Amino acid sequence: MKRKVEVFVAGCAVCEPVVELVNEMAADHCDVIVYDIAEQCDTEECVLKVKDYGVSQVPAIAVDGKLLDCCANVEKTKEDLIKAGIVE
């Protein structure tokens, strides 16, 4: 059974090593798809995936339709900024 590996990037120097790592490590039974959200996320498919998976920063990786734990729940909040002391 093929596994679907989706990598969300922004076409930057920080993201490229992650794409290389995924491509290096992905087994033959994996289909790797890279979405450059800076370039191609104007398609409905890409926009829906970003929303459905909860991608809030890049690079992010989803396997078989589920965002990896290391890529989830990293939303920046007002509370984070208040704790950092940058808000009056």
N, C-alpha and C. Protein backbone atom coordinates (compact mmCIF):
# COMPACT_ATOMS: atom_id res chain seq x y z
N MET A 1 0.84 -1.18 0.00
CA MET A 1 0.00 0.00 0.00
C MET A 1 0.89 1.25 0.00
N LYS A 2 0.61 2.16 -0.92
CA LYS A 2 1.36 3.41 -1.02
C LYS A 2 0.98 4.33 0.13
N ARG A 3 1.98 5.01 0.68
CA ARG A 3 1.76 6.04 1.69
C ARG A 3 1.92 7.38 1.00
N LYS A 4 1.07 8.32 1.36
CA LYS A 4 1.11 9.65 0.77
C LYS A 4 1.81 10.59 1.74
N VAL A 5 2.93 11.14 1.30
CA VAL A 5 3.70 12.07 2.11
C VAL A 5 3.61 13.44 1.45
N GLU A 6 3.06 14.40 2.19
CA GLU A 6 2.90 15.75 1.65
C GLU A 6 3.76 16.71 2.47
N VAL A 7 4.57 17.49 1.76
CA VAL A 7 5.47 18.43 2.41
C VAL A 7 5.04 19.83 1.98
N PHE A 8 4.79 20.68 2.98
CA PHE A 8 4.39 22.06 2.73
C PHE A 8 5.58 22.97 3.01
N VAL A 9 5.98 23.74 2.00
CA VAL A 9 7.16 24.59 2.10
C VAL A 9 6.84 25.98 1.56
N ALA A 10 7.82 26.88 1.73
CA ALA A 10 7.66 28.24 1.20
C ALA A 10 8.78 28.60 0.23
N GLY A 11 9.43 27.58 -0.30
CA GLY A 11 10.48 27.82 -1.29
C GLY A 11 11.67 28.60 -0.75
N CYS A 12 12.02 28.32 0.51
CA CYS A 12 13.10 29.08 1.13
C CYS A 12 14.24 28.15 1.57
N ALA A 13 15.32 28.76 2.01
CA ALA A 13 16.51 28.00 2.42
C ALA A 13 16.26 27.15 3.66
N VAL A 14 15.30 27.51 4.47
CA VAL A 14 14.96 26.73 5.67
C VAL A 14 14.19 25.46 5.29
N CYS A 15 13.36 25.57 4.28
CA CYS A 15 12.50 24.45 3.88
C CYS A 15 13.22 23.41 3.02
N GLU A 16 14.14 23.86 2.19
CA GLU A 16 14.79 22.95 1.23
C GLU A 16 15.44 21.74 1.88
N PRO A 17 16.16 21.88 3.00
CA PRO A 17 16.74 20.68 3.62
C PRO A 17 15.69 19.67 4.08
N VAL A 18 14.53 20.14 4.45
CA VAL A 18 13.46 19.23 4.87
C VAL A 18 12.96 18.43 3.67
N VAL A 19 12.79 19.09 2.54
CA VAL A 19 12.38 18.39 1.31
C VAL A 19 13.43 17.34 0.95
N GLU A 20 14.70 17.72 1.03
CA GLU A 20 15.77 16.78 0.72
C GLU A 20 15.76 15.59 1.66
N LEU A 21 15.53 15.85 2.96
CA LEU A 21 15.49 14.78 3.95
C LEU A 21 14.34 13.81 3.68
N VAL A 22 13.16 14.35 3.41
CA VAL A 22 12.00 13.50 3.12
C VAL A 22 12.26 12.67 1.87
N ASN A 23 12.76 13.29 0.82
CA ASN A 23 13.04 12.55 -0.42
C ASN A 23 14.10 11.47 -0.20
N GLU A 24 15.08 11.77 0.63
CA GLU A 24 16.15 10.81 0.95
C GLU A 24 15.61 9.60 1.72
N MET A 25 14.72 9.87 2.66
CA MET A 25 14.27 8.83 3.58
C MET A 25 13.03 8.07 3.11
N ALA A 26 12.25 8.66 2.22
CA ALA A 26 10.99 8.03 1.81
C ALA A 26 11.26 6.71 1.10
N ALA A 27 10.57 5.68 1.55
CA ALA A 27 10.71 4.35 0.96
C ALA A 27 10.02 4.31 -0.40
N ASP A 28 10.25 3.23 -1.12
CA ASP A 28 9.65 3.07 -2.44
C ASP A 28 8.13 3.06 -2.40
N HIS A 29 7.58 2.70 -1.24
CA HIS A 29 6.11 2.63 -1.15
C HIS A 29 5.50 3.98 -0.73
N CYS A 30 6.27 5.06 -0.86
CA CYS A 30 5.79 6.39 -0.52
C CYS A 30 5.71 7.28 -1.76
N ASP A 31 4.62 8.01 -1.86
CA ASP A 31 4.48 9.04 -2.88
C ASP A 31 4.70 10.38 -2.18
N VAL A 32 5.72 11.10 -2.57
CA VAL A 32 6.04 12.39 -1.95
C VAL A 32 5.53 13.50 -2.86
N ILE A 33 4.74 14.40 -2.26
CA ILE A 33 4.21 15.56 -2.97
C ILE A 33 4.66 16.79 -2.20
N VAL A 34 5.25 17.75 -2.90
CA VAL A 34 5.71 18.99 -2.27
C VAL A 34 4.79 20.12 -2.72
N TYR A 35 4.23 20.84 -1.75
CA TYR A 35 3.41 22.01 -2.02
C TYR A 35 4.19 23.24 -1.60
N ASP A 36 4.55 24.06 -2.57
CA ASP A 36 5.21 25.33 -2.27
C ASP A 36 4.10 26.36 -2.10
N ILE A 37 3.76 26.66 -0.86
CA ILE A 37 2.61 27.52 -0.61
C ILE A 37 2.85 28.96 -1.06
N ALA A 38 4.09 29.34 -1.24
CA ALA A 38 4.39 30.67 -1.75
C ALA A 38 4.11 30.76 -3.25
N GLU A 39 4.20 29.64 -3.94
CA GLU A 39 4.05 29.63 -5.39
C GLU A 39 2.73 29.03 -5.88
N GLN A 40 2.31 27.92 -5.27
CA GLN A 40 1.20 27.18 -5.87
C GLN A 40 0.00 27.00 -4.97
N CYS A 41 -0.06 27.72 -3.86
CA CYS A 41 -1.19 27.50 -2.97
C CYS A 41 -2.37 28.38 -3.35
N ASP A 42 -2.44 28.69 -4.62
CA ASP A 42 -3.61 29.40 -5.11
C ASP A 42 -4.63 28.40 -5.66
N THR A 43 -4.29 27.12 -5.63
CA THR A 43 -5.24 26.10 -6.06
C THR A 43 -6.13 25.72 -4.88
N GLU A 44 -7.35 25.38 -5.17
CA GLU A 44 -8.31 25.01 -4.13
C GLU A 44 -7.81 23.80 -3.34
N GLU A 45 -7.20 22.84 -4.03
CA GLU A 45 -6.69 21.64 -3.35
C GLU A 45 -5.67 22.00 -2.28
N CYS A 46 -4.72 22.85 -2.61
CA CYS A 46 -3.67 23.23 -1.66
C CYS A 46 -4.27 24.01 -0.49
N VAL A 47 -5.12 24.98 -0.78
CA VAL A 47 -5.74 25.79 0.28
C VAL A 47 -6.53 24.91 1.23
N LEU A 48 -7.30 23.98 0.70
CA LEU A 48 -8.09 23.07 1.55
C LEU A 48 -7.19 22.19 2.41
N LYS A 49 -6.11 21.69 1.85
CA LYS A 49 -5.20 20.84 2.61
C LYS A 49 -4.56 21.62 3.76
N VAL A 50 -4.12 22.84 3.49
CA VAL A 50 -3.52 23.66 4.53
C VAL A 50 -4.51 23.88 5.67
N LYS A 51 -5.75 24.18 5.33
CA LYS A 51 -6.79 24.39 6.36
C LYS A 51 -7.15 23.09 7.06
N ASP A 52 -7.40 22.05 6.30
CA ASP A 52 -7.83 20.77 6.89
C ASP A 52 -6.75 20.17 7.80
N TYR A 53 -5.50 20.26 7.38
CA TYR A 53 -4.41 19.68 8.16
C TYR A 53 -3.99 20.57 9.32
N GLY A 54 -4.37 21.85 9.26
CA GLY A 54 -3.98 22.77 10.31
C GLY A 54 -2.55 23.26 10.18
N VAL A 55 -2.06 23.38 8.95
CA VAL A 55 -0.70 23.87 8.73
C VAL A 55 -0.66 25.34 9.13
N SER A 56 0.18 25.67 10.11
CA SER A 56 0.29 27.06 10.53
C SER A 56 1.71 27.60 10.37
N GLN A 57 2.64 26.74 10.01
CA GLN A 57 3.99 27.18 9.69
C GLN A 57 4.62 26.15 8.77
N VAL A 58 5.65 26.58 8.08
CA VAL A 58 6.37 25.68 7.18
C VAL A 58 7.83 25.63 7.59
N PRO A 59 8.52 24.57 7.30
CA PRO A 59 8.04 23.37 6.62
C PRO A 59 7.14 22.54 7.52
N ALA A 60 6.20 21.86 6.89
CA ALA A 60 5.28 20.97 7.60
C ALA A 60 5.12 19.70 6.76
N ILE A 61 4.91 18.58 7.44
CA ILE A 61 4.81 17.29 6.76
C ILE A 61 3.54 16.58 7.22
N ALA A 62 2.80 16.06 6.26
CA ALA A 62 1.63 15.23 6.55
C ALA A 62 1.86 13.86 5.92
N VAL A 63 1.46 12.82 6.64
CA VAL A 63 1.55 11.46 6.11
C VAL A 63 0.16 10.86 6.15
N ASP A 64 -0.28 10.39 5.01
CA ASP A 64 -1.61 9.79 4.86
C ASP A 64 -2.70 10.70 5.42
N GLY A 65 -2.58 12.00 5.12
CA GLY A 65 -3.63 12.95 5.49
C GLY A 65 -3.59 13.47 6.90
N LYS A 66 -2.52 13.17 7.66
CA LYS A 66 -2.43 13.64 9.04
C LYS A 66 -1.11 14.37 9.24
N LEU A 67 -1.23 15.60 9.74
CA LEU A 67 -0.04 16.40 10.03
C LEU A 67 0.76 15.72 11.12
N LEU A 68 2.06 15.59 10.93
CA LEU A 68 2.91 14.98 11.94
C LEU A 68 2.85 15.80 13.24
N ASP A 69 2.95 15.12 14.37
CA ASP A 69 2.87 15.80 15.66
C ASP A 69 3.90 16.92 15.78
N CYS A 70 5.08 16.72 15.22
CA CYS A 70 6.12 17.74 15.30
C CYS A 70 5.75 19.01 14.54
N CYS A 71 4.75 18.92 13.69
CA CYS A 71 4.36 20.07 12.86
C CYS A 71 3.03 20.68 13.30
N ALA A 72 2.40 20.09 14.29
CA ALA A 72 1.06 20.52 14.70
C ALA A 72 1.11 21.44 15.91
N ASN A 73 0.04 22.15 16.09
CA ASN A 73 -0.17 22.99 17.27
C ASN A 73 0.96 23.97 17.52
N VAL A 74 1.35 24.67 16.52
CA VAL A 74 2.42 25.65 16.67
C VAL A 74 1.93 27.07 16.33
N GLU A 75 0.64 27.27 16.48
CA GLU A 75 0.05 28.57 16.18
C GLU A 75 0.57 29.62 17.16
N LYS A 76 0.88 30.77 16.64
CA LYS A 76 1.31 31.88 17.48
C LYS A 76 0.05 32.60 17.96
N THR A 77 0.01 32.96 19.22
CA THR A 77 -1.18 33.59 19.78
C THR A 77 -0.86 34.94 20.41
N LYS A 78 -1.89 35.68 20.71
CA LYS A 78 -1.72 36.94 21.43
C LYS A 78 -1.07 36.69 22.78
N GLU A 79 -1.46 35.59 23.41
CA GLU A 79 -0.91 35.25 24.72
C GLU A 79 0.61 35.04 24.65
N ASP A 80 1.07 34.42 23.58
CA ASP A 80 2.51 34.22 23.39
C ASP A 80 3.23 35.56 23.32
N LEU A 81 2.64 36.51 22.61
CA LEU A 81 3.26 37.83 22.48
C LEU A 81 3.24 38.59 23.80
N ILE A 82 2.15 38.46 24.55
CA ILE A 82 2.06 39.10 25.86
C ILE A 82 3.12 38.53 26.79
N LYS A 83 3.25 37.19 26.81
CA LYS A 83 4.27 36.55 27.65
C LYS A 83 5.67 36.97 27.27
N ALA A 84 5.90 37.25 26.00
CA ALA A 84 7.21 37.67 25.53
C ALA A 84 7.51 39.13 25.88
N GLY A 85 6.48 39.84 26.34
CA GLY A 85 6.67 41.22 26.77
C GLY A 85 6.74 42.24 25.66
N ILE A 86 6.22 41.91 24.51
CA ILE A 86 6.29 42.88 23.40
C ILE A 86 5.00 43.67 23.23
N VAL A 87 4.03 43.42 24.10
CA VAL A 87 2.75 44.10 24.01
C VAL A 87 2.58 44.95 25.27
N GLU A 88 2.12 46.16 25.09
CA GLU A 88 1.89 47.05 26.25
C GLU A 88 0.58 46.71 26.92
